[in-house]
Amino acid sequence: MNNPVYNVAEIFKALSDATRLKIIKLILAKGNNLCVGMIAHKLGISQPAVSQHLKVLKNAGLVAASRAGFHMHYNITDEAGKEYGVDIREVVRKIDIEFNEVANCELKGNKEQCDEVN
């Protein structure tokens, strides 16, 4: 489908899952070239689960795959995001900042203040 609204919705739908965000963050952190086995090992989930998440990310145009021997290696693509004004690296960076603020707040034990951060 070539509908811009649908395409942007697919990008955000793909980014709406915490595991997929972790996969994107991991690929970015490890130099933008990881195989399913390494992603599964680092996240502590099964290879089939990683493959399903990567399929969603690939369909949204957020990752691309290349074959290296028997393995498929995945990297982040900027094409889909840039076409619709979504900077994937910036989205991941901002989510990390907000997550760290909430985590730090919760560690201090002040529930009221944590609710304001959320």
C-alpha atoms as a PDB file:
ATOM      1  CA  MET A   1       0.000   0.000   0.000  1.00  0.00           C
ATOM      2  CA  ASN A   2       1.385   3.414  -0.930  1.00  0.00           C
ATOM      3  CA  ASN A   3      -0.739   5.553   1.400  1.00  0.00           C
ATOM      4  CA  PRO A   4       1.504   7.900   3.466  1.00  0.00           C
ATOM      5  CA  VAL A   5      -0.794   7.796   6.504  1.00  0.00           C
ATOM      6  CA  TYR A   6      -0.839   3.996   6.423  1.00  0.00           C
ATOM      7  CA  ASN A   7       2.960   3.888   6.062  1.00  0.00           C
ATOM      8  CA  VAL A   8       3.556   6.199   9.032  1.00  0.00           C
ATOM      9  CA  ALA A   9       1.073   4.163  11.073  1.00  0.00           C
ATOM     10  CA  GLU A  10       3.034   0.996  10.229  1.00  0.00           C
ATOM     11  CA  ILE A  11       6.272   2.631  11.418  1.00  0.00           C
ATOM     12  CA  PHE A  12       4.773   3.617  14.747  1.00  0.00           C
ATOM     13  CA  LYS A  13       2.994   0.277  15.080  1.00  0.00           C
ATOM     14  CA  ALA A  14       6.353  -1.449  14.630  1.00  0.00           C
ATOM     15  CA  LEU A  15       7.889   0.843  17.250  1.00  0.00           C
ATOM     16  CA  SER A  16       5.047   0.272  19.724  1.00  0.00           C
ATOM     17  CA  ASP A  17       6.491  -2.999  21.028  1.00  0.00           C
ATOM     18  CA  ALA A  18       9.167  -2.852  23.744  1.00  0.00           C
ATOM     19  CA  THR A  19      11.062  -5.854  22.343  1.00  0.00           C
ATOM     20  CA  ARG A  20      11.250  -4.286  18.893  1.00  0.00           C
ATOM     21  CA  LEU A  21      12.570  -1.075  20.435  1.00  0.00           C
ATOM     22  CA  LYS A  22      15.205  -3.132  22.246  1.00  0.00           C
ATOM     23  CA  ILE A  23      16.139  -4.816  18.963  1.00  0.00           C
ATOM     24  CA  ILE A  24      16.542  -1.455  17.232  1.00  0.00           C
ATOM     25  CA  LYS A  25      18.567  -0.095  20.146  1.00  0.00           C
ATOM     26  CA  LEU A  26      20.783  -3.194  20.135  1.00  0.00           C
ATOM     27  CA  ILE A  27      21.405  -3.036  16.389  1.00  0.00           C
ATOM     28  CA  LEU A  28      22.294   0.654  16.659  1.00  0.00           C
ATOM     29  CA  ALA A  29      24.574   0.064  19.655  1.00  0.00           C
ATOM     30  CA  LYS A  30      26.425  -2.858  18.085  1.00  0.00           C
ATOM     31  CA  GLY A  31      27.386  -1.168  14.836  1.00  0.00           C
ATOM     32  CA  ASN A  32      24.300  -1.732  12.757  1.00  0.00           C
ATOM     33  CA  ASN A  33      25.000  -5.300  11.624  1.00  0.00           C
ATOM     34  CA  LEU A  34      23.645  -8.155  13.766  1.00  0.00           C
ATOM     35  CA  CYS A  35      22.364 -11.655  13.060  1.00  0.00           C
ATOM     36  CA  VAL A  36      19.250 -13.178  14.634  1.00  0.00           C
ATOM     37  CA  GLY A  37      21.289 -15.467  16.882  1.00  0.00           C
ATOM     38  CA  MET A  38      23.235 -12.593  18.423  1.00  0.00           C
ATOM     39  CA  ILE A  39      20.084 -10.520  18.971  1.00  0.00           C
ATOM     40  CA  ALA A  40      18.350 -13.510  20.589  1.00  0.00           C
ATOM     41  CA  HIS A  41      21.349 -14.154  22.847  1.00  0.00           C
ATOM     42  CA  LYS A  42      21.657 -10.521  23.946  1.00  0.00           C
ATOM     43  CA  LEU A  43      17.925 -10.130  24.664  1.00  0.00           C
ATOM     44  CA  GLY A  44      17.413 -13.581  26.163  1.00  0.00           C
ATOM     45  CA  ILE A  45      14.580 -14.539  23.811  1.00  0.00           C
ATOM     46  CA  SER A  46      14.229 -17.270  21.190  1.00  0.00           C
ATOM     47  CA  GLN A  47      15.482 -16.926  17.628  1.00  0.00           C
ATOM     48  CA  PRO A  48      11.970 -17.471  16.199  1.00  0.00           C
ATOM     49  CA  ALA A  49      10.671 -14.625  18.384  1.00  0.00           C
ATOM     50  CA  VAL A  50      13.458 -12.350  17.144  1.00  0.00           C
ATOM     51  CA  SER A  51      12.712 -13.346  13.552  1.00  0.00           C
ATOM     52  CA  GLN A  52       9.040 -12.426  13.972  1.00  0.00           C
ATOM     53  CA  HIS A  53       9.932  -9.033  15.446  1.00  0.00           C
ATOM     54  CA  LEU A  54      12.451  -8.395  12.661  1.00  0.00           C
ATOM     55  CA  LYS A  55       9.776  -9.277  10.089  1.00  0.00           C
ATOM     56  CA  VAL A  56       7.527  -6.524  11.487  1.00  0.00           C
ATOM     57  CA  LEU A  57      10.421  -4.049  11.528  1.00  0.00           C
ATOM     58  CA  LYS A  58      11.402  -5.015   7.986  1.00  0.00           C
ATOM     59  CA  ASN A  59       7.826  -4.679   6.698  1.00  0.00           C
ATOM     60  CA  ALA A  60       7.709  -1.180   8.199  1.00  0.00           C
ATOM     61  CA  GLY A  61      10.946  -0.341   6.381  1.00  0.00           C
ATOM     62  CA  LEU A  62      12.940   0.143   9.590  1.00  0.00           C
ATOM     63  CA  VAL A  63      15.474  -2.649   9.101  1.00  0.00           C
ATOM     64  CA  ALA A  64      17.079  -4.281   6.101  1.00  0.00           C
ATOM     65  CA  ALA A  65      18.645  -7.719   5.814  1.00  0.00           C
ATOM     66  CA  SER A  66      21.734  -8.924   3.988  1.00  0.00           C
ATOM     67  CA  ARG A  67      23.018 -12.463   3.696  1.00  0.00           C
ATOM     68  CA  ALA A  68      26.471 -13.323   5.030  1.00  0.00           C
ATOM     69  CA  GLY A  69      27.063 -17.040   4.459  1.00  0.00           C
ATOM     70  CA  PHE A  70      24.319 -18.931   6.262  1.00  0.00           C
ATOM     71  CA  HIS A  71      23.284 -15.949   8.371  1.00  0.00           C
ATOM     72  CA  MET A  72      21.074 -12.958   7.731  1.00  0.00           C
ATOM     73  CA  HIS A  73      22.493  -9.743   9.144  1.00  0.00           C
ATOM     74  CA  TYR A  74      20.200  -6.852   9.986  1.00  0.00           C
ATOM     75  CA  ASN A  75      20.817  -3.139  10.010  1.00  0.00           C
ATOM     76  CA  ILE A  76      18.732  -0.042  10.560  1.00  0.00           C
ATOM     77  CA  THR A  77      17.500   1.745   7.469  1.00  0.00           C
ATOM     78  CA  ASP A  78      16.738   5.435   7.520  1.00  0.00           C
ATOM     79  CA  GLU A  79      14.745   5.472   4.293  1.00  0.00           C
ATOM     80  CA  ALA A  80      11.237   4.864   5.660  1.00  0.00           C
ATOM     81  CA  GLY A  81      11.683   7.160   8.603  1.00  0.00           C
ATOM     82  CA  LYS A  82      13.226   9.999   6.633  1.00  0.00           C
ATOM     83  CA  GLU A  83      10.546   9.784   3.966  1.00  0.00           C
ATOM     84  CA  TYR A  84       7.921  10.506   6.617  1.00  0.00           C
ATOM     85  CA  GLY A  85       9.955  12.687   8.973  1.00  0.00           C
ATOM     86  CA  VAL A  86      10.609  10.025  11.610  1.00  0.00           C
ATOM     87  CA  ASP A  87      14.205   9.867  12.872  1.00  0.00           C
ATOM     88  CA  ILE A  88      14.493   6.364  14.331  1.00  0.00           C
ATOM     89  CA  ARG A  89      17.747   7.139  16.155  1.00  0.00           C
ATOM     90  CA  GLU A  90      16.156  10.178  17.798  1.00  0.00           C
ATOM     91  CA  VAL A  91      13.054   8.210  18.805  1.00  0.00           C
ATOM     92  CA  VAL A  92      15.224   5.576  20.508  1.00  0.00           C
ATOM     93  CA  ARG A  93      17.363   8.260  22.198  1.00  0.00           C
ATOM     94  CA  LYS A  94      14.309  10.073  23.618  1.00  0.00           C
ATOM     95  CA  ILE A  95      12.732   6.848  24.842  1.00  0.00           C
ATOM     96  CA  ASP A  96      15.990   6.011  26.640  1.00  0.00           C
ATOM     97  CA  ILE A  97      16.034   9.413  28.336  1.00  0.00           C
ATOM     98  CA  GLU A  98      12.427   9.089  29.531  1.00  0.00           C
ATOM     99  CA  PHE A  99      12.950   5.499  30.657  1.00  0.00           C
ATOM    100  CA  ASN A 100      16.020   6.519  32.672  1.00  0.00           C
ATOM    101  CA  GLU A 101      14.097   9.387  34.316  1.00  0.00           C
ATOM    102  CA  VAL A 102      11.271   7.072  35.381  1.00  0.00           C
ATOM    103  CA  ALA A 103      13.687   4.361  36.569  1.00  0.00           C
ATOM    104  CA  ASN A 104      15.715   6.868  38.620  1.00  0.00           C
ATOM    105  CA  CYS A 105      12.542   8.303  40.118  1.00  0.00           C
ATOM    106  CA  GLU A 106      11.255   4.875  41.116  1.00  0.00           C
ATOM    107  CA  LEU A 107      14.593   4.002  42.726  1.00  0.00           C
ATOM    108  CA  LYS A 108      14.274   7.064  44.961  1.00  0.00           C
ATOM    109  CA  GLY A 109      10.907   5.782  46.183  1.00  0.00           C
ATOM    110  CA  ASN A 110       8.819   8.934  45.667  1.00  0.00           C
ATOM    111  CA  LYS A 111       5.636   7.650  44.025  1.00  0.00           C
ATOM    112  CA  GLU A 112       3.947  11.048  43.602  1.00  0.00           C
ATOM    113  CA  GLN A 113       6.963  12.499  41.836  1.00  0.00           C
ATOM    114  CA  CYS A 114       7.245   9.424  39.589  1.00  0.00           C
ATOM    115  CA  ASP A 115       3.631   9.823  38.496  1.00  0.00           C
ATOM    116  CA  GLU A 116       4.446  13.371  37.369  1.00  0.00           C
ATOM    117  CA  VAL A 117       7.365  12.075  35.259  1.00  0.00           C
ATOM    118  CA  ASN A 118       5.084   9.526  33.591  1.00  0.00           C
END
